[in-house]
Amino acid sequence: MTGTVLPFFHYLGTRSARALYAFLRNWYEGGAVLFEEHLFSTLRRFDRVLALRITVRYFFTPLYNDRTFIGYVLGVIFRSIRIMIACVIYSFVIFAYILVAFIWFAFPLFGVYKIITSL
């Protein structure tokens, strides 16, 4: 009787371990890729509106091609304000994604914790 029971438990254990490994790999690795792709696509959409890269590139050019002293000064001032606003918005978006990703990655650990504490 023991000759037939032992392979069954071995099979059950290896299948369970493989399923757990596949779940954890898909949850953490797949989740990280998903969050990364979604974050960068969101930042690209924001960059179409806020134009941070273009603003930084043309930081010292005069505003509205006004080549007077006032045009240069106003260009630097307005672009500085625009860069600060964009950085604040980008920081908020990145912080929100990091917070959601932290909750996503902690969720299985919280489930294991609740299972252990309920025993």
Protein backbone atom coordinates (compact mmCIF):
# COMPACT_ATOMS: atom_id res chain seq x y z
CA MET A 1 0.00 0.00 0.00
CA THR A 2 2.85 2.41 0.72
CA GLY A 3 4.23 1.94 -2.78
CA THR A 4 1.18 3.61 -4.33
CA VAL A 5 0.64 6.36 -1.75
CA LEU A 6 4.16 7.85 -1.82
CA PRO A 7 4.19 8.68 -5.57
CA PHE A 8 0.78 10.30 -5.17
CA PHE A 9 2.07 12.69 -2.48
CA HIS A 10 5.22 13.34 -4.49
CA TYR A 11 3.13 14.20 -7.54
CA LEU A 12 0.78 16.35 -5.48
CA GLY A 13 3.69 18.18 -3.84
CA THR A 14 5.53 18.90 -7.07
CA ARG A 15 2.36 20.07 -8.84
CA SER A 16 1.51 22.33 -5.91
CA ALA A 17 5.03 23.76 -5.82
CA ARG A 18 4.99 24.41 -9.59
CA ALA A 19 1.58 26.05 -9.39
CA LEU A 20 2.72 28.26 -6.50
CA TYR A 21 5.90 29.20 -8.38
CA ALA A 22 3.90 30.02 -11.53
CA PHE A 23 1.45 32.13 -9.55
CA LEU A 24 4.17 34.07 -7.75
CA ARG A 25 6.15 34.58 -10.94
CA ASN A 26 3.10 35.82 -12.85
CA TRP A 27 1.95 37.99 -9.94
CA TYR A 28 5.26 39.69 -9.21
CA GLU A 29 7.11 39.63 -12.53
CA GLY A 30 4.01 40.14 -14.64
CA GLY A 31 2.74 42.82 -12.27
CA ALA A 32 6.05 44.68 -12.39
CA VAL A 33 6.05 44.66 -16.18
CA LEU A 34 2.42 45.77 -16.25
CA PHE A 35 3.03 48.65 -13.83
CA GLU A 36 6.17 49.73 -15.67
CA GLU A 37 4.50 49.76 -19.09
CA HIS A 38 1.41 51.55 -17.79
CA LEU A 39 3.47 54.12 -15.87
CA PHE A 40 5.62 54.99 -18.89
CA SER A 41 2.62 55.21 -21.20
CA THR A 42 0.91 57.52 -18.70
CA LEU A 43 4.02 59.69 -18.44
CA ARG A 44 4.22 59.87 -22.25
CA ARG A 45 0.59 61.02 -22.37
CA PHE A 46 1.32 63.67 -19.75
CA ASP A 47 4.39 64.75 -21.72
CA ARG A 48 2.18 65.46 -24.73
CA VAL A 49 0.26 67.97 -22.60
CA LEU A 50 2.98 69.32 -20.31
CA ALA A 51 5.86 69.10 -22.84
CA LEU A 52 8.54 68.86 -20.18
CA ARG A 53 11.28 67.65 -22.54
CA ILE A 54 10.58 70.38 -25.06
CA THR A 55 10.40 73.03 -22.35
CA VAL A 56 13.77 71.96 -20.96
CA ARG A 57 15.28 71.83 -24.46
CA TYR A 58 14.21 75.40 -25.26
CA PHE A 59 14.71 76.78 -21.74
CA PHE A 60 17.00 79.67 -22.73
CA THR A 61 15.27 80.64 -25.97
CA PRO A 62 13.18 83.80 -25.88
CA LEU A 63 9.47 83.55 -25.32
CA TYR A 64 7.44 83.86 -28.54
CA ASN A 65 10.69 84.53 -30.41
CA ASP A 66 10.95 87.98 -28.82
CA ARG A 67 14.71 88.56 -28.90
CA THR A 68 14.67 91.46 -26.47
CA PHE A 69 15.87 91.30 -22.87
CA ILE A 70 12.27 91.04 -21.64
CA GLY A 71 11.61 88.11 -24.00
CA TYR A 72 14.59 86.21 -22.61
CA VAL A 73 13.70 86.97 -18.97
CA LEU A 74 10.02 86.08 -19.39
CA GLY A 75 10.99 82.92 -21.28
CA VAL A 76 13.14 81.72 -18.40
CA ILE A 77 10.53 82.67 -15.79
CA PHE A 78 7.53 81.08 -17.54
CA ARG A 79 9.45 77.97 -18.51
CA SER A 80 10.74 77.60 -14.95
CA ILE A 81 7.18 77.72 -13.64
CA ARG A 82 6.06 75.24 -16.30
CA ILE A 83 8.92 72.88 -15.43
CA MET A 84 8.11 73.05 -11.70
CA ILE A 85 4.42 72.34 -12.31
CA ALA A 86 5.27 69.42 -14.60
CA CYS A 87 7.72 67.99 -12.05
CA VAL A 88 5.11 68.19 -9.31
CA ILE A 89 2.53 66.44 -11.48
CA TYR A 90 5.03 63.77 -12.58
CA SER A 91 6.09 63.22 -8.98
CA PHE A 92 2.48 62.79 -7.89
CA VAL A 93 1.78 60.31 -10.70
CA ILE A 94 4.94 58.31 -9.98
CA PHE A 95 4.18 58.28 -6.24
CA ALA A 96 0.63 57.07 -6.92
CA TYR A 97 1.92 54.26 -9.14
CA ILE A 98 4.51 53.24 -6.54
CA LEU A 99 1.82 53.18 -3.85
CA VAL A 100 -0.52 51.04 -5.98
CA ALA A 101 2.36 48.73 -6.94
CA PHE A 102 3.32 48.33 -3.27
CA ILE A 103 -0.25 47.37 -2.40
CA TRP A 104 -0.33 44.98 -5.38
CA PHE A 105 2.90 43.26 -4.36
CA ALA A 106 1.95 43.10 -0.67
CA PHE A 107 -1.46 41.58 -1.32
CA PRO A 108 -0.34 37.90 -1.50
CA LEU A 109 1.80 38.36 1.60
CA PHE A 110 -1.18 39.84 3.41
CA GLY A 111 -3.26 36.83 2.36
CA VAL A 112 -0.66 34.43 3.72
CA TYR A 113 -0.52 36.46 6.94
CA LYS A 114 -4.31 36.31 7.34
CA ILE A 115 -4.31 32.56 6.70
CA ILE A 116 -1.59 31.96 9.29
CA THR A 117 -3.18 34.16 11.94
CA SER A 118 -6.57 32.51 11.52
CA LEU A 119 -5.18 29.04 12.30
